[in-house]
Amino acid sequence: MKKIIFSAAVFLVLFSCQNDTTNSPAPTTTAIAHRGCASQEVLEAQLAADPTLAIRMNQIEAFTQSAISKSNYRLVNGKIVIPVVVNVLYRTAAENISDAQIQSQIDVLNKDFTATNADFSNTPTEFAGVAANVGITFQLVKTNRKSTTKTSWGTRDAMKKTKQGGLDPTSPSTNLNLWFCTIGGGILGYAQFPGGSLATDGVVCDSKYVGVTPDSAGAYPYNLGRTASHEIGHWMNLRHIWGDASCGNDLVDDTPIAKTSNFGVPAYPYVSTCLPAHNEITMNYMDYTDDRGMYMFTNGQKARMLAIFSSGGARAAFGI
């Protein structure tokens, strides 16, 4: 298990210097071979553009660790319900995904974050003791749609800005804004970590990988809605399990150290090359495995997520 060291200098390094260059996705015009999440790359660009962001994130991390140690994240009526605003940007009919498809994504989130997903029972015995019901649910409150001529939006937040052809977020301090659009560059999605600007706060998912679709629909193996589960994990302050560095620190004590990102559906046990020898938790939502290969959060990750909603937390305005 990992030991987290508390110092401003360490926090600054964690939030400003990590980079996983070996897993940067290559542009593609056909099927995506490996999951591509641009959250870390977007964070690094934001840190470069705003030197004060690292300070805010360090403060958030210090608060998070304090809240976890004090169990200072009591919930209202024992649960968190996140209002969700969906923003659909489309050029083609296929990109203008249906209300039913959007609802299927909300349904996936509600199962994944309450451990009621059917594949949660696949959790290996080794990790069953740390497998968590996060206790967070999601409620769709509004869907905005906008026709566009853009063939792709990239990862520079243009889809979040009306003046750049996208849609501004709706009350982002009290709503989780999701943008569904064609991102391009082999990227399935990306999220903004707590501490960033409210003007760009939220999660972006490529419209092809929203909700549940049949294996034959072209989105396989990312057709079970887990892209949003992964990205919302970032939005709730979770790092990739490999800490975006070789055998890095994801700031969670009960996720075993991972060498790097894992792809496909690794067979359990998957022995890590990070010493001492141990098995990696490849079925965690914060790895890069296929949708059918990820199906659980841990108690340590749950504690991090709940901390940001507690009084004084980065997302306390959601009413906890």
C-alpha atoms as a PDB file:
ATOM      1  CA  MET A   1       0.000   0.000   0.000  1.00  0.00           C
ATOM      2  CA  LYS A   2       1.045   3.531  -0.649  1.00  0.00           C
ATOM      3  CA  LYS A   3       2.105   6.072   1.941  1.00  0.00           C
ATOM      4  CA  ILE A   4       0.970   9.623   1.226  1.00  0.00           C
ATOM      5  CA  ILE A   5       3.449  12.315   2.211  1.00  0.00           C
ATOM      6  CA  PHE A   6       1.936  15.637   3.248  1.00  0.00           C
ATOM      7  CA  SER A   7       3.913  18.654   2.190  1.00  0.00           C
ATOM      8  CA  ALA A   8       3.240  21.633  -0.026  1.00  0.00           C
ATOM      9  CA  ALA A   9       6.258  20.825  -2.148  1.00  0.00           C
ATOM     10  CA  VAL A  10       5.106  17.277  -2.792  1.00  0.00           C
ATOM     11  CA  PHE A  11       1.587  18.438  -3.653  1.00  0.00           C
ATOM     12  CA  LEU A  12       2.999  20.964  -6.088  1.00  0.00           C
ATOM     13  CA  VAL A  13       4.982  18.263  -7.839  1.00  0.00           C
ATOM     14  CA  LEU A  14       1.984  15.916  -7.947  1.00  0.00           C
ATOM     15  CA  PHE A  15      -0.236  18.483  -9.587  1.00  0.00           C
ATOM     16  CA  SER A  16       2.219  20.129 -11.938  1.00  0.00           C
ATOM     17  CA  CYS A  17       4.787  17.624 -13.142  1.00  0.00           C
ATOM     18  CA  GLN A  18       3.127  14.265 -13.791  1.00  0.00           C
ATOM     19  CA  ASN A  19       2.833  13.220 -17.416  1.00  0.00           C
ATOM     20  CA  ASP A  20       2.235   9.865 -19.067  1.00  0.00           C
ATOM     21  CA  THR A  21       3.810  10.381 -22.460  1.00  0.00           C
ATOM     22  CA  THR A  22       3.780   6.720 -23.404  1.00  0.00           C
ATOM     23  CA  ASN A  23      -0.017   6.627 -23.473  1.00  0.00           C
ATOM     24  CA  SER A  24      -0.771   9.793 -25.437  1.00  0.00           C
ATOM     25  CA  PRO A  25      -3.301   8.652 -28.060  1.00  0.00           C
ATOM     26  CA  ALA A  26      -2.486   8.998 -31.718  1.00  0.00           C
ATOM     27  CA  PRO A  27      -5.042  10.581 -34.051  1.00  0.00           C
ATOM     28  CA  THR A  28      -7.322   8.061 -35.680  1.00  0.00           C
ATOM     29  CA  THR A  29     -10.153   8.129 -38.161  1.00  0.00           C
ATOM     30  CA  THR A  30     -11.358   4.575 -37.536  1.00  0.00           C
ATOM     31  CA  ALA A  31     -11.700   2.382 -34.467  1.00  0.00           C
ATOM     32  CA  ILE A  32      -9.868   3.508 -31.332  1.00  0.00           C
ATOM     33  CA  ALA A  33      -7.388   0.818 -30.318  1.00  0.00           C
ATOM     34  CA  HIS A  34      -6.842   2.000 -26.737  1.00  0.00           C
ATOM     35  CA  ARG A  35      -8.791   4.198 -24.343  1.00  0.00           C
ATOM     36  CA  GLY A  36      -7.707   7.824 -24.573  1.00  0.00           C
ATOM     37  CA  CYS A  37      -8.451  10.160 -21.653  1.00  0.00           C
ATOM     38  CA  ALA A  38      -7.061  13.674 -22.013  1.00  0.00           C
ATOM     39  CA  SER A  39      -7.775  14.843 -18.461  1.00  0.00           C
ATOM     40  CA  GLN A  40      -4.122  14.889 -17.402  1.00  0.00           C
ATOM     41  CA  GLU A  41      -2.982  16.658 -20.563  1.00  0.00           C
ATOM     42  CA  VAL A  42      -5.753  19.249 -20.191  1.00  0.00           C
ATOM     43  CA  LEU A  43      -4.773  19.760 -16.554  1.00  0.00           C
ATOM     44  CA  GLU A  44      -1.148  20.371 -17.490  1.00  0.00           C
ATOM     45  CA  ALA A  45      -2.215  22.946 -20.086  1.00  0.00           C
ATOM     46  CA  GLN A  46      -4.376  24.691 -17.475  1.00  0.00           C
ATOM     47  CA  LEU A  47      -1.516  24.673 -14.971  1.00  0.00           C
ATOM     48  CA  ALA A  48       0.771  26.263 -17.550  1.00  0.00           C
ATOM     49  CA  ALA A  49      -1.811  28.939 -18.367  1.00  0.00           C
ATOM     50  CA  ASP A  50      -2.735  29.706 -14.746  1.00  0.00           C
ATOM     51  CA  PRO A  51       0.079  29.477 -12.164  1.00  0.00           C
ATOM     52  CA  THR A  52      -2.435  29.950  -9.341  1.00  0.00           C
ATOM     53  CA  LEU A  53      -4.233  26.690 -10.234  1.00  0.00           C
ATOM     54  CA  ALA A  54      -1.477  24.580  -8.666  1.00  0.00           C
ATOM     55  CA  ILE A  55      -1.884  26.526  -5.418  1.00  0.00           C
ATOM     56  CA  ARG A  56      -5.660  25.978  -5.418  1.00  0.00           C
ATOM     57  CA  MET A  57      -5.261  22.279  -6.152  1.00  0.00           C
ATOM     58  CA  ASN A  58      -2.662  21.915  -3.412  1.00  0.00           C
ATOM     59  CA  GLN A  59      -5.110  23.536  -0.991  1.00  0.00           C
ATOM     60  CA  ILE A  60      -7.867  21.194  -2.174  1.00  0.00           C
ATOM     61  CA  GLU A  61      -5.580  18.210  -1.657  1.00  0.00           C
ATOM     62  CA  ALA A  62      -4.625  19.322   1.851  1.00  0.00           C
ATOM     63  CA  PHE A  63      -8.314  19.767   2.709  1.00  0.00           C
ATOM     64  CA  THR A  64      -9.139  16.370   1.191  1.00  0.00           C
ATOM     65  CA  GLN A  65      -6.536  14.573   3.275  1.00  0.00           C
ATOM     66  CA  SER A  66      -7.727  16.376   6.402  1.00  0.00           C
ATOM     67  CA  ALA A  67     -11.386  15.544   5.696  1.00  0.00           C
ATOM     68  CA  ILE A  68     -10.522  11.883   5.112  1.00  0.00           C
ATOM     69  CA  SER A  69      -8.534  11.628   8.340  1.00  0.00           C
ATOM     70  CA  LYS A  70     -11.370  13.205  10.320  1.00  0.00           C
ATOM     71  CA  SER A  71     -14.175  11.425   8.425  1.00  0.00           C
ATOM     72  CA  ASN A  72     -15.454  14.950   7.866  1.00  0.00           C
ATOM     73  CA  TYR A  73     -17.795  14.177   5.004  1.00  0.00           C
ATOM     74  CA  ARG A  74     -21.189  13.453   6.531  1.00  0.00           C
ATOM     75  CA  LEU A  75     -23.950  13.516   3.951  1.00  0.00           C
ATOM     76  CA  VAL A  76     -27.418  15.050   3.949  1.00  0.00           C
ATOM     77  CA  ASN A  77     -29.833  12.143   4.491  1.00  0.00           C
ATOM     78  CA  GLY A  78     -26.921   9.824   3.832  1.00  0.00           C
ATOM     79  CA  LYS A  79     -26.579  10.453   0.113  1.00  0.00           C
ATOM     80  CA  ILE A  80     -25.476  12.826  -2.617  1.00  0.00           C
ATOM     81  CA  VAL A  81     -27.625  13.486  -5.674  1.00  0.00           C
ATOM     82  CA  ILE A  82     -25.828  15.324  -8.471  1.00  0.00           C
ATOM     83  CA  PRO A  83     -27.967  17.426 -10.860  1.00  0.00           C
ATOM     84  CA  VAL A  84     -26.751  16.893 -14.424  1.00  0.00           C
ATOM     85  CA  VAL A  85     -27.020  19.232 -17.404  1.00  0.00           C
ATOM     86  CA  VAL A  86     -26.249  17.598 -20.756  1.00  0.00           C
ATOM     87  CA  ASN A  87     -25.007  19.689 -23.681  1.00  0.00           C
ATOM     88  CA  VAL A  88     -25.218  17.957 -27.069  1.00  0.00           C
ATOM     89  CA  LEU A  89     -23.250  19.482 -29.950  1.00  0.00           C
ATOM     90  CA  TYR A  90     -23.951  17.758 -33.243  1.00  0.00           C
ATOM     91  CA  ARG A  91     -23.179  17.995 -36.942  1.00  0.00           C
ATOM     92  CA  THR A  92     -24.769  14.722 -38.034  1.00  0.00           C
ATOM     93  CA  ALA A  93     -27.908  12.872 -36.981  1.00  0.00           C
ATOM     94  CA  ALA A  94     -25.743  10.222 -35.305  1.00  0.00           C
ATOM     95  CA  GLU A  95     -24.056  12.879 -33.157  1.00  0.00           C
ATOM     96  CA  ASN A  96     -27.463  14.233 -32.097  1.00  0.00           C
ATOM     97  CA  ILE A  97     -27.839  11.367 -29.669  1.00  0.00           C
ATOM     98  CA  SER A  98     -31.352  10.563 -28.460  1.00  0.00           C
ATOM     99  CA  ASP A  99     -32.873  11.312 -25.086  1.00  0.00           C
ATOM    100  CA  ALA A 100     -33.046   7.550 -24.532  1.00  0.00           C
ATOM    101  CA  GLN A 101     -29.302   7.207 -25.151  1.00  0.00           C
ATOM    102  CA  ILE A 102     -28.584  10.045 -22.723  1.00  0.00           C
ATOM    103  CA  GLN A 103     -30.800   8.416 -20.106  1.00  0.00           C
ATOM    104  CA  SER A 104     -28.954   5.133 -20.584  1.00  0.00           C
ATOM    105  CA  GLN A 105     -25.767   7.001 -19.623  1.00  0.00           C
ATOM    106  CA  ILE A 106     -27.392   8.404 -16.487  1.00  0.00           C
ATOM    107  CA  ASP A 107     -28.559   4.889 -15.630  1.00  0.00           C
ATOM    108  CA  VAL A 108     -24.993   3.550 -15.990  1.00  0.00           C
ATOM    109  CA  LEU A 109     -23.655   6.264 -13.692  1.00  0.00           C
ATOM    110  CA  ASN A 110     -26.284   5.542 -11.062  1.00  0.00           C
ATOM    111  CA  LYS A 111     -25.328   1.869 -11.075  1.00  0.00           C
ATOM    112  CA  ASP A 112     -21.560   2.365 -11.190  1.00  0.00           C
ATOM    113  CA  PHE A 113     -21.492   4.861  -8.325  1.00  0.00           C
ATOM    114  CA  THR A 114     -23.772   2.753  -6.100  1.00  0.00           C
ATOM    115  CA  ALA A 115     -22.148  -0.636  -6.814  1.00  0.00           C
ATOM    116  CA  THR A 116     -25.408  -1.949  -8.309  1.00  0.00           C
ATOM    117  CA  ASN A 117     -23.830  -2.653 -11.695  1.00  0.00           C
ATOM    118  CA  ALA A 118     -24.171  -6.341 -12.543  1.00  0.00           C
ATOM    119  CA  ASP A 119     -20.436  -6.828 -13.094  1.00  0.00           C
ATOM    120  CA  PHE A 120     -19.537  -5.489  -9.628  1.00  0.00           C
ATOM    121  CA  SER A 121     -19.873  -9.100  -8.488  1.00  0.00           C
ATOM    122  CA  ASN A 122     -16.857  -9.938 -10.668  1.00  0.00           C
ATOM    123  CA  THR A 123     -14.574  -8.143  -8.193  1.00  0.00           C
ATOM    124  CA  PRO A 124     -11.800 -10.580  -7.181  1.00  0.00           C
ATOM    125  CA  THR A 125     -11.837 -11.748  -3.578  1.00  0.00           C
ATOM    126  CA  GLU A 126      -8.521  -9.989  -3.031  1.00  0.00           C
ATOM    127  CA  PHE A 127     -10.179  -6.599  -3.607  1.00  0.00           C
ATOM    128  CA  ALA A 128     -13.680  -7.352  -2.321  1.00  0.00           C
ATOM    129  CA  GLY A 129     -12.848  -5.833   1.061  1.00  0.00           C
ATOM    130  CA  VAL A 130     -12.075  -2.431  -0.453  1.00  0.00           C
ATOM    131  CA  ALA A 131     -14.719  -2.425  -3.227  1.00  0.00           C
ATOM    132  CA  ALA A 132     -17.013   0.524  -2.558  1.00  0.00           C
ATOM    133  CA  ASN A 133     -20.565   1.703  -2.908  1.00  0.00           C
ATOM    134  CA  VAL A 134     -19.759   5.389  -3.373  1.00  0.00           C
ATOM    135  CA  GLY A 135     -23.365   6.338  -2.623  1.00  0.00           C
ATOM    136  CA  ILE A 136     -23.615   9.091  -5.227  1.00  0.00           C
ATOM    137  CA  THR A 137     -26.458   9.252  -7.741  1.00  0.00           C
ATOM    138  CA  PHE A 138     -27.169  11.478 -10.737  1.00  0.00           C
ATOM    139  CA  GLN A 139     -30.345  13.205 -11.870  1.00  0.00           C
ATOM    140  CA  LEU A 140     -30.749  14.594 -15.376  1.00  0.00           C
ATOM    141  CA  VAL A 141     -32.311  18.058 -15.069  1.00  0.00           C
ATOM    142  CA  LYS A 142     -31.836  19.520 -18.549  1.00  0.00           C
ATOM    143  CA  THR A 143     -30.600  18.716 -22.050  1.00  0.00           C
ATOM    144  CA  ASN A 144     -29.349  21.492 -24.333  1.00  0.00           C
ATOM    145  CA  ARG A 145     -28.826  20.799 -28.050  1.00  0.00           C
ATOM    146  CA  LYS A 146     -26.985  22.831 -30.664  1.00  0.00           C
ATOM    147  CA  SER A 147     -26.303  22.168 -34.327  1.00  0.00           C
ATOM    148  CA  THR A 148     -22.758  22.890 -35.478  1.00  0.00           C
ATOM    149  CA  THR A 149     -20.586  22.654 -38.573  1.00  0.00           C
ATOM    150  CA  LYS A 150     -17.547  21.504 -36.612  1.00  0.00           C
ATOM    151  CA  THR A 151     -16.210  18.057 -37.473  1.00  0.00           C
ATOM    152  CA  SER A 152     -14.294  17.821 -34.169  1.00  0.00           C
ATOM    153  CA  TRP A 153     -13.787  19.954 -31.066  1.00  0.00           C
ATOM    154  CA  GLY A 154     -10.419  18.920 -29.644  1.00  0.00           C
ATOM    155  CA  THR A 155      -9.488  19.324 -25.975  1.00  0.00           C
ATOM    156  CA  ARG A 156      -9.105  23.088 -25.583  1.00  0.00           C
ATOM    157  CA  ASP A 157     -12.628  23.582 -24.157  1.00  0.00           C
ATOM    158  CA  ALA A 158     -14.149  25.228 -27.247  1.00  0.00           C
ATOM    159  CA  MET A 159     -17.285  23.111 -26.801  1.00  0.00           C
ATOM    160  CA  LYS A 160     -17.797  24.807 -23.413  1.00  0.00           C
ATOM    161  CA  LYS A 161     -17.875  28.325 -24.846  1.00  0.00           C
ATOM    162  CA  THR A 162     -20.843  29.798 -26.693  1.00  0.00           C
ATOM    163  CA  LYS A 163     -18.604  32.422 -28.324  1.00  0.00           C
ATOM    164  CA  GLN A 164     -16.561  29.605 -29.883  1.00  0.00           C
ATOM    165  CA  GLY A 165     -19.601  27.764 -31.200  1.00  0.00           C
ATOM    166  CA  GLY A 166     -20.191  25.574 -28.157  1.00  0.00           C
ATOM    167  CA  LEU A 167     -22.445  25.922 -25.128  1.00  0.00           C
ATOM    168  CA  ASP A 168     -21.533  27.680 -21.890  1.00  0.00           C
ATOM    169  CA  PRO A 169     -21.979  25.568 -18.736  1.00  0.00           C
ATOM    170  CA  THR A 170     -25.223  25.948 -16.812  1.00  0.00           C
ATOM    171  CA  SER A 171     -24.737  26.925 -13.139  1.00  0.00           C
ATOM    172  CA  PRO A 172     -21.565  24.805 -12.847  1.00  0.00           C
ATOM    173  CA  SER A 173     -21.172  25.354  -9.102  1.00  0.00           C
ATOM    174  CA  THR A 174     -24.384  23.368  -8.521  1.00  0.00           C
ATOM    175  CA  ASN A 175     -24.690  21.243 -11.694  1.00  0.00           C
ATOM    176  CA  LEU A 176     -22.441  18.692 -13.308  1.00  0.00           C
ATOM    177  CA  ASN A 177     -22.254  19.786 -16.934  1.00  0.00           C
ATOM    178  CA  LEU A 178     -21.630  17.072 -19.518  1.00  0.00           C
ATOM    179  CA  TRP A 179     -20.750  17.893 -23.115  1.00  0.00           C
ATOM    180  CA  PHE A 180     -21.374  15.177 -25.721  1.00  0.00           C
ATOM    181  CA  CYS A 181     -19.679  15.928 -29.032  1.00  0.00           C
ATOM    182  CA  THR A 182     -17.047  14.622 -31.439  1.00  0.00           C
ATOM    183  CA  ILE A 183     -13.697  15.266 -29.762  1.00  0.00           C
ATOM    184  CA  GLY A 184     -11.301  13.765 -32.320  1.00  0.00           C
ATOM    185  CA  GLY A 185      -7.678  12.722 -31.974  1.00  0.00           C
ATOM    186  CA  GLY A 186      -8.524   9.318 -30.504  1.00  0.00           C
ATOM    187  CA  ILE A 187      -9.815  10.905 -27.275  1.00  0.00           C
ATOM    188  CA  LEU A 188     -12.859   9.308 -25.647  1.00  0.00           C
ATOM    189  CA  GLY A 189     -13.269  12.009 -23.014  1.00  0.00           C
ATOM    190  CA  TYR A 190     -11.725  14.378 -20.512  1.00  0.00           C
ATOM    191  CA  ALA A 191     -12.679  16.116 -17.291  1.00  0.00           C
ATOM    192  CA  GLN A 192     -11.728  19.204 -15.339  1.00  0.00           C
ATOM    193  CA  PHE A 193     -10.368  18.502 -11.866  1.00  0.00           C
ATOM    194  CA  PRO A 194     -11.674  20.448  -8.851  1.00  0.00           C
ATOM    195  CA  GLY A 195     -10.027  23.843  -8.601  1.00  0.00           C
ATOM    196  CA  GLY A 196     -10.300  24.883 -12.237  1.00  0.00           C
ATOM    197  CA  SER A 197     -12.349  27.730 -13.646  1.00  0.00           C
ATOM    198  CA  LEU A 198     -16.130  27.468 -13.311  1.00  0.00           C
ATOM    199  CA  ALA A 199     -16.363  28.731 -16.889  1.00  0.00           C
ATOM    200  CA  THR A 200     -14.990  25.406 -18.138  1.00  0.00           C
ATOM    201  CA  ASP A 201     -16.007  23.064 -15.318  1.00  0.00           C
ATOM    202  CA  GLY A 202     -17.460  19.690 -16.226  1.00  0.00           C
ATOM    203  CA  VAL A 203     -16.871  16.589 -18.322  1.00  0.00           C
ATOM    204  CA  VAL A 204     -16.616  16.035 -22.074  1.00  0.00           C
ATOM    205  CA  CYS A 205     -17.353  12.666 -23.703  1.00  0.00           C
ATOM    206  CA  ASP A 206     -17.206  11.805 -27.372  1.00  0.00           C
ATOM    207  CA  SER A 207     -20.817  11.325 -28.483  1.00  0.00           C
ATOM    208  CA  LYS A 208     -19.979   7.907 -29.955  1.00  0.00           C
ATOM    209  CA  TYR A 209     -19.194   6.540 -26.477  1.00  0.00           C
ATOM    210  CA  VAL A 210     -22.213   7.775 -24.517  1.00  0.00           C
ATOM    211  CA  GLY A 211     -24.410   5.245 -22.763  1.00  0.00           C
ATOM    212  CA  VAL A 212     -24.971   1.623 -23.698  1.00  0.00           C
ATOM    213  CA  THR A 213     -24.970   0.512 -27.327  1.00  0.00           C
ATOM    214  CA  PRO A 214     -24.932  -2.956 -28.946  1.00  0.00           C
ATOM    215  CA  ASP A 215     -21.517  -4.501 -29.597  1.00  0.00           C
ATOM    216  CA  SER A 216     -22.192  -4.137 -33.316  1.00  0.00           C
ATOM    217  CA  ALA A 217     -22.916  -0.388 -33.176  1.00  0.00           C
ATOM    218  CA  GLY A 218     -19.279   0.666 -33.705  1.00  0.00           C
ATOM    219  CA  ALA A 219     -18.409   1.879 -30.206  1.00  0.00           C
ATOM    220  CA  TYR A 220     -17.189  -1.489 -28.868  1.00  0.00           C
ATOM    221  CA  PRO A 221     -15.206  -1.999 -26.645  1.00  0.00           C
ATOM    222  CA  TYR A 222     -16.220   1.377 -25.170  1.00  0.00           C
ATOM    223  CA  ASN A 223     -19.963   0.875 -25.507  1.00  0.00           C
ATOM    224  CA  LEU A 224     -21.067   0.388 -21.887  1.00  0.00           C
ATOM    225  CA  GLY A 225     -20.993   4.005 -20.702  1.00  0.00           C
ATOM    226  CA  ARG A 226     -17.827   3.652 -18.638  1.00  0.00           C
ATOM    227  CA  THR A 227     -16.070   6.598 -20.324  1.00  0.00           C
ATOM    228  CA  ALA A 228     -18.337   8.924 -18.333  1.00  0.00           C
ATOM    229  CA  SER A 229     -17.811   6.904 -15.134  1.00  0.00           C
ATOM    230  CA  HIS A 230     -14.033   7.283 -15.569  1.00  0.00           C
ATOM    231  CA  GLU A 231     -14.145  10.998 -16.404  1.00  0.00           C
ATOM    232  CA  ILE A 232     -16.568  11.871 -13.621  1.00  0.00           C
ATOM    233  CA  GLY A 233     -14.127  10.130 -11.300  1.00  0.00           C
ATOM    234  CA  HIS A 234     -11.591  12.797 -12.331  1.00  0.00           C
ATOM    235  CA  TRP A 235     -14.204  15.537 -11.850  1.00  0.00           C
ATOM    236  CA  MET A 236     -14.589  14.186  -8.310  1.00  0.00           C
ATOM    237  CA  ASN A 237     -10.817  14.422  -7.691  1.00  0.00           C
ATOM    238  CA  LEU A 238      -9.595  10.923  -8.594  1.00  0.00           C
ATOM    239  CA  ARG A 239      -6.312  10.355 -10.399  1.00  0.00           C
ATOM    240  CA  HIS A 240      -5.459   7.499 -12.744  1.00  0.00           C
ATOM    241  CA  ILE A 241      -4.437   4.439 -10.738  1.00  0.00           C
ATOM    242  CA  TRP A 242      -0.839   4.686 -11.989  1.00  0.00           C
ATOM    243  CA  GLY A 243      -0.623   8.302 -10.819  1.00  0.00           C
ATOM    244  CA  ASP A 244       0.295   9.414 -14.380  1.00  0.00           C
ATOM    245  CA  ALA A 245       3.873   8.324 -13.743  1.00  0.00           C
ATOM    246  CA  SER A 246       5.608   4.953 -13.763  1.00  0.00           C
ATOM    247  CA  CYS A 247       4.649   3.282 -10.449  1.00  0.00           C
ATOM    248  CA  GLY A 248       3.251   6.679  -9.454  1.00  0.00           C
ATOM    249  CA  ASN A 249       1.030   7.788  -6.580  1.00  0.00           C
ATOM    250  CA  ASP A 250      -2.702   8.243  -7.167  1.00  0.00           C
ATOM    251  CA  LEU A 251      -3.103   9.617  -3.609  1.00  0.00           C
ATOM    252  CA  VAL A 252      -5.289   6.648  -2.614  1.00  0.00           C
ATOM    253  CA  ASP A 253      -3.941   4.154  -0.114  1.00  0.00           C
ATOM    254  CA  ASP A 254      -6.033   1.081  -1.026  1.00  0.00           C
ATOM    255  CA  THR A 255      -5.336   1.013  -4.777  1.00  0.00           C
ATOM    256  CA  PRO A 256      -2.158  -1.035  -5.323  1.00  0.00           C
ATOM    257  CA  ILE A 257       0.639   0.743  -7.185  1.00  0.00           C
ATOM    258  CA  ALA A 258       0.387   0.302 -10.963  1.00  0.00           C
ATOM    259  CA  LYS A 259       3.283   0.413 -13.406  1.00  0.00           C
ATOM    260  CA  THR A 260       1.286   2.295 -16.045  1.00  0.00           C
ATOM    261  CA  SER A 261      -2.100   2.257 -17.760  1.00  0.00           C
ATOM    262  CA  ASN A 262      -3.606  -1.115 -18.651  1.00  0.00           C
ATOM    263  CA  PHE A 263      -5.597  -1.822 -21.798  1.00  0.00           C
ATOM    264  CA  GLY A 264      -8.073  -4.438 -22.972  1.00  0.00           C
ATOM    265  CA  VAL A 265      -9.315  -6.792 -20.255  1.00  0.00           C
ATOM    266  CA  PRO A 266      -6.274  -8.079 -18.315  1.00  0.00           C
ATOM    267  CA  ALA A 267      -6.693 -11.527 -16.839  1.00  0.00           C
ATOM    268  CA  TYR A 268      -6.638 -11.639 -13.035  1.00  0.00           C
ATOM    269  CA  PRO A 269      -4.230 -11.900 -11.312  1.00  0.00           C
ATOM    270  CA  TYR A 270      -2.244  -9.235 -13.129  1.00  0.00           C
ATOM    271  CA  VAL A 271       1.121  -9.103 -11.373  1.00  0.00           C
ATOM    272  CA  SER A 272       2.713  -5.661 -11.232  1.00  0.00           C
ATOM    273  CA  THR A 273       6.352  -5.036 -12.050  1.00  0.00           C
ATOM    274  CA  CYS A 274       6.372  -2.358  -9.320  1.00  0.00           C
ATOM    275  CA  LEU A 275       8.062  -3.821  -6.245  1.00  0.00           C
ATOM    276  CA  PRO A 276       7.271  -5.394  -3.888  1.00  0.00           C
ATOM    277  CA  ALA A 277       5.360  -7.905  -6.008  1.00  0.00           C
ATOM    278  CA  HIS A 278       1.586  -7.529  -5.907  1.00  0.00           C
ATOM    279  CA  ASN A 279      -1.493  -7.671  -8.133  1.00  0.00           C
ATOM    280  CA  GLU A 280      -2.750  -4.534  -9.862  1.00  0.00           C
ATOM    281  CA  ILE A 281      -6.386  -3.476  -9.574  1.00  0.00           C
ATOM    282  CA  THR A 282      -7.000  -3.356 -13.332  1.00  0.00           C
ATOM    283  CA  MET A 283     -10.780  -3.594 -12.923  1.00  0.00           C
ATOM    284  CA  ASN A 284     -10.873  -0.142 -11.323  1.00  0.00           C
ATOM    285  CA  TYR A 285     -12.746   2.614 -13.164  1.00  0.00           C
ATOM    286  CA  MET A 286      -9.637   4.802 -13.111  1.00  0.00           C
ATOM    287  CA  ASP A 287      -7.541   2.493 -15.287  1.00  0.00           C
ATOM    288  CA  TYR A 288      -7.641   2.480 -19.128  1.00  0.00           C
ATOM    289  CA  THR A 289      -9.186  -0.964 -19.622  1.00  0.00           C
ATOM    290  CA  ASP A 290     -12.127  -1.677 -21.935  1.00  0.00           C
ATOM    291  CA  ASP A 291     -15.596  -0.862 -20.621  1.00  0.00           C
ATOM    292  CA  ARG A 292     -16.292  -4.519 -19.811  1.00  0.00           C
ATOM    293  CA  GLY A 293     -13.016  -4.687 -17.876  1.00  0.00           C
ATOM    294  CA  MET A 294     -13.718  -1.868 -15.356  1.00  0.00           C
ATOM    295  CA  TYR A 295     -16.421  -2.171 -12.730  1.00  0.00           C
ATOM    296  CA  MET A 296     -15.418  -0.895  -9.269  1.00  0.00           C
ATOM    297  CA  PHE A 297     -14.169   1.979  -7.115  1.00  0.00           C
ATOM    298  CA  THR A 298     -12.400   1.510  -3.771  1.00  0.00           C
ATOM    299  CA  ASN A 299     -13.179   2.827  -0.305  1.00  0.00           C
ATOM    300  CA  GLY A 300     -10.160   5.113  -0.523  1.00  0.00           C
ATOM    301  CA  GLN A 301     -11.428   6.584  -3.771  1.00  0.00           C
ATOM    302  CA  LYS A 302     -14.863   6.967  -2.220  1.00  0.00           C
ATOM    303  CA  ALA A 303     -13.369   8.958   0.663  1.00  0.00           C
ATOM    304  CA  ARG A 304     -11.655  11.328  -1.778  1.00  0.00           C
ATOM    305  CA  MET A 305     -14.866  11.853  -3.739  1.00  0.00           C
ATOM    306  CA  LEU A 306     -17.021  12.480  -0.686  1.00  0.00           C
ATOM    307  CA  ALA A 307     -14.482  14.895   0.805  1.00  0.00           C
ATOM    308  CA  ILE A 308     -14.893  17.438  -1.981  1.00  0.00           C
ATOM    309  CA  PHE A 309     -18.634  17.657  -1.290  1.00  0.00           C
ATOM    310  CA  SER A 310     -18.232  18.199   2.445  1.00  0.00           C
ATOM    311  CA  SER A 311     -18.434  21.595   4.119  1.00  0.00           C
ATOM    312  CA  GLY A 312     -15.410  23.564   2.947  1.00  0.00           C
ATOM    313  CA  GLY A 313     -14.756  21.158   0.077  1.00  0.00           C
ATOM    314  CA  ALA A 314     -14.162  22.166  -3.518  1.00  0.00           C
ATOM    315  CA  ARG A 315     -17.705  21.174  -4.544  1.00  0.00           C
ATOM    316  CA  ALA A 316     -19.502  21.957  -1.288  1.00  0.00           C
ATOM    317  CA  ALA A 317     -21.982  24.199  -3.167  1.00  0.00           C
ATOM    318  CA  PHE A 318     -23.752  21.023  -4.298  1.00  0.00           C
ATOM    319  CA  GLY A 319     -25.403  21.174  -0.896  1.00  0.00           C
ATOM    320  CA  ILE A 320     -23.824  18.501   1.260  1.00  0.00           C
END
